[in-house]
Amino acid sequence: MSAGTSAREGSTGDTQGLSPPVATSAARPGHGTVRRRTLASYGFLGPNLVLLGVFLFLPLGWAFLISFQESSGFGASGWVGLQNYQRLVTDPTFWQSALNTAVFTVITVPLSLALGLALAVLMNSVLPGRRLFRTLIYLPMVISGVATALMGVLLFDEATGIINKLLREGGLATIPWQSQGSAAFASIVLVTLWIRVGFNMVIYLAGLQSISPELYEAAKLEGASSWQQFRYLTVPLVGPSTFFLLIMDVIYSFQVFDTIFVMTGGGPGRSTSVLVTYAYENGFVTRDQSYAAAIGIVIFLLTLAFTALQWRGNRTRDTTG
């Protein structure tokens, strides 16, 4: 056997072995191609990054800066350090507004999620006229928040509202929607649910339609009841939708403003005042914009912390699952 034959056999043996194929340098894109792709990517992202910078990050940085100053929005401002944040700690109205925000979030988020999922399951079934019902349920979401709140006033006005008129016609006692704190808070919650349920229903509906029908058929063959199918199939499989909606609904609850401003203005007293309406009152009524900026930074940090916790919890669940 010649030396050349031995070399060819050795080469053939290496090819038939377990060594993985190695990408040649000819298959890799060159530095010029990578640079052009990178520039093209930044070209597509550029307009969005500019808009985010001008309308989000720049105002956020400006608010953070003036929260350490004393400013009315006009004339010169002075540096006061942490004074605005120290004032928050001893401000009872701030804590009342924070408590109202927390209660509002705890009530509206679970209810809007549950109602959205229930309506999505109903609209995903064989229901006559379900397209019309979907449109009607989603309609408040596409209307201006102020317009929706004005509809809420037409419903819940204490003197001329439709609900109190129906109660009078039925010989029942009317409800003091504007003069009693708990009733005013309840009217805000009901209108918020009316606004949010349609959006939650649409997101859940998309999640339900991505579930394979074979899973439900297999569950039926195993003798699972309708409730067991909902509990052990539907609820876990729409988990990603629930995670998305949980974050969106909590952010919405921390930022709710137009509904409360139009329907109650934060009253009676401070019973429906939330952090955003209190920040607006300080920034544009009493012109204490530095204090309003400090409240806004607190809202931003609370929302950011909650989103980070939920994101971490969801990643842990996906890893362990």
Protein backbone atom coordinates (compact mmCIF):
# COMPACT_ATOMS: atom_id res chain seq x y z
CA MET A 1 0.00 0.00 0.00
CA SER A 2 1.43 3.31 -1.01
CA ALA A 3 1.75 6.33 1.23
CA GLY A 4 -0.81 8.20 -0.92
CA THR A 5 -3.39 5.43 -0.51
CA SER A 6 -2.89 5.42 3.26
CA ALA A 7 -3.42 9.15 3.38
CA ARG A 8 -6.68 8.87 1.36
CA GLU A 9 -7.94 6.06 3.65
CA GLY A 10 -7.09 8.13 6.71
CA SER A 11 -8.93 11.07 5.27
CA THR A 12 -12.00 8.91 4.46
CA GLY A 13 -11.98 7.50 7.99
CA ASP A 14 -12.06 10.98 9.51
CA THR A 15 -15.01 11.90 7.30
CA GLN A 16 -17.02 8.82 8.34
CA GLY A 17 -16.22 9.41 12.04
CA LEU A 18 -18.12 11.47 14.61
CA SER A 19 -16.39 14.74 13.98
CA PRO A 20 -19.09 17.42 13.31
CA PRO A 21 -18.91 19.41 10.10
CA VAL A 22 -17.03 22.63 10.55
CA ALA A 23 -18.40 25.75 8.88
CA THR A 24 -15.97 27.09 6.41
CA SER A 25 -15.02 30.73 6.31
CA ALA A 26 -16.67 31.01 2.88
CA ALA A 27 -20.14 30.32 4.46
CA ARG A 28 -19.77 33.09 7.03
CA PRO A 29 -20.88 36.63 6.10
CA GLY A 30 -18.02 39.02 5.71
CA HIS A 31 -17.41 42.02 7.91
CA GLY A 32 -18.82 44.29 5.22
CA THR A 33 -22.08 42.31 5.08
CA VAL A 34 -22.43 42.32 8.86
CA ARG A 35 -21.84 46.06 8.97
CA ARG A 36 -24.46 46.69 6.27
CA ARG A 37 -26.99 44.51 8.11
CA THR A 38 -26.29 46.33 11.37
CA LEU A 39 -26.71 49.72 9.73
CA ALA A 40 -29.95 48.57 8.09
CA SER A 41 -31.26 47.36 11.49
CA TYR A 42 -30.48 50.70 13.13
CA GLY A 43 -32.05 52.44 10.13
CA PHE A 44 -35.35 50.64 10.77
CA LEU A 45 -35.13 51.16 14.54
CA GLY A 46 -33.97 54.76 14.29
CA PRO A 47 -37.36 56.53 13.93
CA ASN A 48 -38.82 54.57 16.83
CA LEU A 49 -35.79 55.22 19.01
CA VAL A 50 -36.00 58.96 18.24
CA LEU A 51 -39.72 59.05 19.13
CA LEU A 52 -39.09 57.11 22.35
CA GLY A 53 -36.24 59.42 23.27
CA VAL A 54 -38.17 62.65 22.59
CA PHE A 55 -41.57 61.69 24.00
CA LEU A 56 -40.65 59.18 26.74
CA PHE A 57 -37.08 59.23 28.02
CA LEU A 58 -36.54 63.00 27.76
CA PRO A 59 -39.72 63.92 29.72
CA LEU A 60 -38.94 61.16 32.23
CA GLY A 61 -35.43 62.51 32.78
CA TRP A 62 -36.77 66.06 33.03
CA ALA A 63 -39.38 65.01 35.61
CA PHE A 64 -36.67 63.23 37.62
CA LEU A 65 -34.55 66.40 37.54
CA ILE A 66 -37.23 68.87 38.62
CA SER A 67 -38.37 66.52 41.40
CA PHE A 68 -35.21 67.67 43.19
CA GLN A 69 -36.03 71.34 42.61
CA GLU A 70 -38.66 73.86 43.68
CA SER A 71 -40.47 74.99 40.56
CA SER A 72 -43.90 76.27 39.57
CA GLY A 73 -43.21 75.85 35.85
CA PHE A 74 -42.54 79.56 35.40
CA GLY A 75 -39.48 81.59 36.29
CA ALA A 76 -36.39 80.46 38.16
CA SER A 77 -36.22 77.21 40.15
CA GLY A 78 -34.05 76.30 43.10
CA TRP A 79 -32.37 73.03 44.08
CA VAL A 80 -33.98 71.48 47.19
CA GLY A 81 -32.53 67.95 47.07
CA LEU A 82 -34.77 65.26 48.63
CA GLN A 83 -37.16 67.76 50.21
CA ASN A 84 -40.07 66.86 47.89
CA TYR A 85 -39.65 63.16 48.65
CA GLN A 86 -39.46 63.84 52.41
CA ARG A 87 -42.68 65.82 52.06
CA LEU A 88 -44.36 62.78 50.50
CA VAL A 89 -43.65 60.72 53.61
CA THR A 90 -45.54 63.15 55.87
CA ASP A 91 -48.35 64.04 53.43
CA PRO A 92 -51.63 62.31 54.50
CA THR A 93 -53.31 63.12 51.17
CA PHE A 94 -50.53 61.30 49.32
CA TRP A 95 -51.01 58.20 51.47
CA GLN A 96 -54.80 58.39 51.07
CA SER A 97 -54.35 58.57 47.28
CA ALA A 98 -51.83 55.69 47.38
CA LEU A 99 -54.27 53.57 49.40
CA ASN A 100 -57.10 54.36 46.97
CA THR A 101 -54.84 53.40 44.06
CA ALA A 102 -53.95 50.09 45.72
CA VAL A 103 -57.60 49.27 46.52
CA PHE A 104 -58.64 50.24 42.99
CA THR A 105 -55.93 47.95 41.55
CA VAL A 106 -56.77 45.01 43.83
CA ILE A 107 -60.46 45.20 42.89
CA THR A 108 -60.33 45.96 39.17
CA VAL A 109 -57.43 43.75 38.00
CA PRO A 110 -58.74 40.31 39.18
CA LEU A 111 -62.33 41.16 38.21
CA SER A 112 -61.39 42.37 34.72
CA LEU A 113 -59.23 39.26 34.17
CA ALA A 114 -61.97 36.88 35.33
CA LEU A 115 -64.71 38.61 33.33
CA GLY A 116 -62.49 38.83 30.25
CA LEU A 117 -61.70 35.10 30.40
CA ALA A 118 -65.35 34.17 30.98
CA LEU A 119 -66.50 36.26 28.03
CA ALA A 120 -63.70 34.86 25.84
CA VAL A 121 -64.77 31.29 26.62
CA LEU A 122 -68.38 32.24 25.84
CA MET A 123 -67.46 34.00 22.58
CA ASN A 124 -65.23 31.07 21.55
CA SER A 125 -68.20 28.73 21.68
CA VAL A 126 -71.03 28.33 19.18
CA LEU A 127 -73.08 31.43 20.00
CA PRO A 128 -75.50 33.14 17.59
CA GLY A 129 -74.44 36.71 16.81
CA ARG A 130 -71.12 36.38 18.59
CA ARG A 131 -69.40 38.79 16.16
CA LEU A 132 -71.91 41.49 17.11
CA PHE A 133 -71.43 40.78 20.83
CA ARG A 134 -67.63 40.89 20.47
CA THR A 135 -67.89 44.31 18.80
CA LEU A 136 -70.25 45.68 21.44
CA ILE A 137 -68.06 44.44 24.31
CA TYR A 138 -64.87 45.84 22.76
CA LEU A 139 -66.47 49.16 21.73
CA PRO A 140 -65.66 51.13 24.96
CA MET A 141 -61.96 50.39 24.38
CA VAL A 142 -61.86 52.23 21.04
CA ILE A 143 -63.78 55.26 22.32
CA SER A 144 -61.98 58.14 23.98
CA GLY A 145 -61.59 57.69 27.74
CA VAL A 146 -63.25 61.05 28.35
CA ALA A 147 -66.23 60.08 26.17
CA THR A 148 -66.58 56.77 28.02
CA ALA A 149 -66.42 58.59 31.35
CA LEU A 150 -69.15 60.99 30.17
CA MET A 151 -71.32 57.94 29.44
CA GLY A 152 -70.56 56.88 33.00
CA VAL A 153 -71.84 60.26 34.21
CA LEU A 154 -75.06 59.74 32.25
CA LEU A 155 -75.49 56.39 34.00
CA PHE A 156 -74.39 57.25 37.54
CA ASP A 157 -75.30 60.91 37.99
CA GLU A 158 -77.03 61.20 41.35
CA ALA A 159 -79.83 63.52 40.16
CA THR A 160 -80.32 62.75 36.46
CA GLY A 161 -78.53 59.40 35.95
CA ILE A 162 -80.30 56.53 34.24
CA ILE A 163 -79.70 54.08 37.09
CA ASN A 164 -81.25 56.31 39.76
CA LYS A 165 -84.18 57.07 37.45
CA LEU A 166 -84.84 53.36 37.06
CA LEU A 167 -84.60 52.91 40.84
CA ARG A 168 -87.14 55.72 41.38
CA GLU A 169 -89.49 54.20 38.79
CA GLY A 170 -89.23 50.89 40.63
CA GLY A 171 -90.03 52.52 43.97
CA LEU A 172 -86.54 51.87 45.34
CA ALA A 173 -84.15 54.17 47.17
CA THR A 174 -81.65 55.99 44.97
CA ILE A 175 -77.88 55.61 45.42
CA PRO A 176 -75.77 58.69 46.32
CA TRP A 177 -73.20 58.15 43.56
CA GLN A 178 -71.54 61.56 44.01
CA SER A 179 -72.14 62.42 47.67
CA GLN A 180 -71.03 59.16 49.32
CA GLY A 181 -67.43 57.97 49.06
CA SER A 182 -68.02 54.21 48.75
CA ALA A 183 -70.77 54.66 46.13
CA ALA A 184 -68.57 57.05 44.11
CA PHE A 185 -65.69 54.55 44.28
CA ALA A 186 -68.01 51.74 43.16
CA SER A 187 -69.17 53.78 40.15
CA ILE A 188 -65.52 54.32 39.12
CA VAL A 189 -64.82 50.59 39.42
CA LEU A 190 -67.87 49.63 37.34
CA VAL A 191 -67.02 52.03 34.51
CA THR A 192 -63.38 50.86 34.54
CA LEU A 193 -64.48 47.22 34.26
CA TRP A 194 -66.74 48.19 31.37
CA ILE A 195 -63.73 49.74 29.61
CA ARG A 196 -61.16 47.01 30.35
CA VAL A 197 -63.16 43.79 29.93
CA GLY A 198 -63.34 44.08 26.12
CA PHE A 199 -59.56 44.31 25.74
CA ASN A 200 -59.01 41.36 28.09
CA MET A 201 -61.61 39.33 26.19
CA VAL A 202 -59.85 39.87 22.85
CA ILE A 203 -56.43 38.84 24.21
CA TYR A 204 -57.88 35.74 25.91
CA LEU A 205 -59.82 34.89 22.74
CA ALA A 206 -56.56 34.86 20.74
CA GLY A 207 -55.04 32.57 23.38
CA LEU A 208 -58.02 30.20 23.32
CA GLN A 209 -57.96 29.89 19.53
CA SER A 210 -54.31 28.80 19.65
CA ILE A 211 -55.18 25.74 21.81
CA SER A 212 -55.48 22.51 19.85
CA PRO A 213 -59.07 21.08 19.88
CA GLU A 214 -57.55 17.58 20.13
CA LEU A 215 -56.62 18.31 23.75
CA TYR A 216 -60.29 18.89 24.67
CA GLU A 217 -61.37 15.80 22.69
CA ALA A 218 -58.82 13.69 24.57
CA ALA A 219 -60.03 15.14 27.88
CA LYS A 220 -63.63 14.27 26.99
CA LEU A 221 -62.62 10.71 26.15
CA GLU A 222 -60.96 10.49 29.57
CA GLY A 223 -64.23 11.59 31.18
CA ALA A 224 -63.25 15.13 32.18
CA SER A 225 -66.18 17.42 32.98
CA SER A 226 -66.54 20.92 31.51
CA TRP A 227 -65.24 22.47 34.73
CA GLN A 228 -62.23 20.10 34.81
CA GLN A 229 -61.42 20.98 31.19
CA PHE A 230 -61.59 24.67 32.06
CA ARG A 231 -59.56 24.28 35.28
CA TYR A 232 -56.83 21.91 34.04
CA LEU A 233 -56.62 22.79 30.32
CA THR A 234 -57.91 26.29 29.59
CA VAL A 235 -56.53 28.17 32.59
CA PRO A 236 -52.93 26.82 32.34
CA LEU A 237 -52.77 27.11 28.56
CA VAL A 238 -53.82 30.78 28.55
CA GLY A 239 -51.14 31.51 31.17
CA PRO A 240 -49.03 33.71 28.82
CA SER A 241 -52.13 35.79 28.03
CA THR A 242 -52.85 36.15 31.74
CA PHE A 243 -49.27 37.28 32.40
CA PHE A 244 -49.47 39.93 29.67
CA LEU A 245 -52.88 41.18 30.80
CA LEU A 246 -51.84 41.25 34.46
CA ILE A 247 -49.00 43.64 33.70
CA MET A 248 -51.10 45.78 31.34
CA ASP A 249 -54.04 46.01 33.76
CA VAL A 250 -51.84 46.92 36.73
CA ILE A 251 -50.11 49.64 34.70
CA TYR A 252 -53.52 50.93 33.59
CA SER A 253 -54.76 50.96 37.20
CA PHE A 254 -51.74 52.95 38.35
CA GLN A 255 -52.26 55.43 35.49
CA VAL A 256 -56.05 55.80 35.60
CA PHE A 257 -56.97 59.47 35.34
CA ASP A 258 -59.62 60.46 32.78
CA THR A 259 -62.41 58.30 34.20
CA ILE A 260 -61.95 59.63 37.74
CA PHE A 261 -61.33 63.22 36.65
CA VAL A 262 -64.55 63.37 34.61
CA MET A 263 -66.83 61.36 36.91
CA THR A 264 -65.88 62.53 40.41
CA GLY A 265 -62.83 64.80 40.22
CA GLY A 266 -61.34 62.77 43.09
CA GLY A 267 -64.26 63.46 45.46
CA PRO A 268 -66.31 63.52 47.51
CA GLY A 269 -63.55 64.62 49.84
CA ARG A 270 -60.58 62.43 48.86
CA SER A 271 -62.53 59.19 48.57
CA THR A 272 -61.73 58.63 44.87
CA SER A 273 -58.44 60.52 44.66
CA VAL A 274 -55.63 58.38 43.22
CA LEU A 275 -51.94 59.11 42.71
CA VAL A 276 -52.32 60.45 39.16
CA THR A 277 -55.20 62.80 39.99
CA TYR A 278 -53.26 64.03 43.05
CA ALA A 279 -50.19 64.65 40.87
CA TYR A 280 -52.36 66.56 38.36
CA GLU A 281 -53.85 68.66 41.17
CA ASN A 282 -50.39 69.62 42.41
CA GLY A 283 -48.92 70.20 38.97
CA PHE A 284 -51.68 72.16 37.25
CA VAL A 285 -53.99 73.53 39.98
CA THR A 286 -51.62 74.60 42.76
CA ARG A 287 -48.66 74.88 40.28
CA ASP A 288 -46.30 72.90 42.54
CA GLN A 289 -44.76 71.04 39.62
CA SER A 290 -41.71 69.78 41.51
CA TYR A 291 -43.91 67.98 44.04
CA ALA A 292 -46.08 66.62 41.20
CA ALA A 293 -42.91 65.35 39.49
CA ALA A 294 -41.89 63.56 42.70
CA ILE A 295 -45.31 61.84 42.80
CA GLY A 296 -44.89 60.87 39.14
CA ILE A 297 -41.47 59.34 39.84
CA VAL A 298 -42.97 57.30 42.69
CA ILE A 299 -45.70 56.00 40.34
CA PHE A 300 -43.04 55.11 37.75
CA LEU A 301 -40.91 53.23 40.30
CA LEU A 302 -43.90 51.30 41.68
CA THR A 303 -44.98 50.26 38.19
CA LEU A 304 -41.42 49.32 37.23
CA ALA A 305 -40.93 47.25 40.39
CA PHE A 306 -44.20 45.36 39.91
CA THR A 307 -43.43 44.65 36.25
CA ALA A 308 -39.92 43.40 37.14
CA LEU A 309 -41.32 41.08 39.85
CA GLN A 310 -43.95 39.66 37.50
CA TRP A 311 -41.39 39.23 34.74
CA ARG A 312 -39.02 37.39 37.07
CA GLY A 313 -41.83 35.20 38.38
CA ASN A 314 -42.96 34.31 34.87
CA ARG A 315 -39.41 33.40 33.80
CA THR A 316 -39.00 31.21 36.89
CA ARG A 317 -42.31 29.46 36.12
CA ASP A 318 -41.29 28.82 32.51
CA THR A 319 -37.90 27.45 33.60
CA THR A 320 -39.27 25.11 36.25
CA GLY A 321 -42.23 24.07 34.08
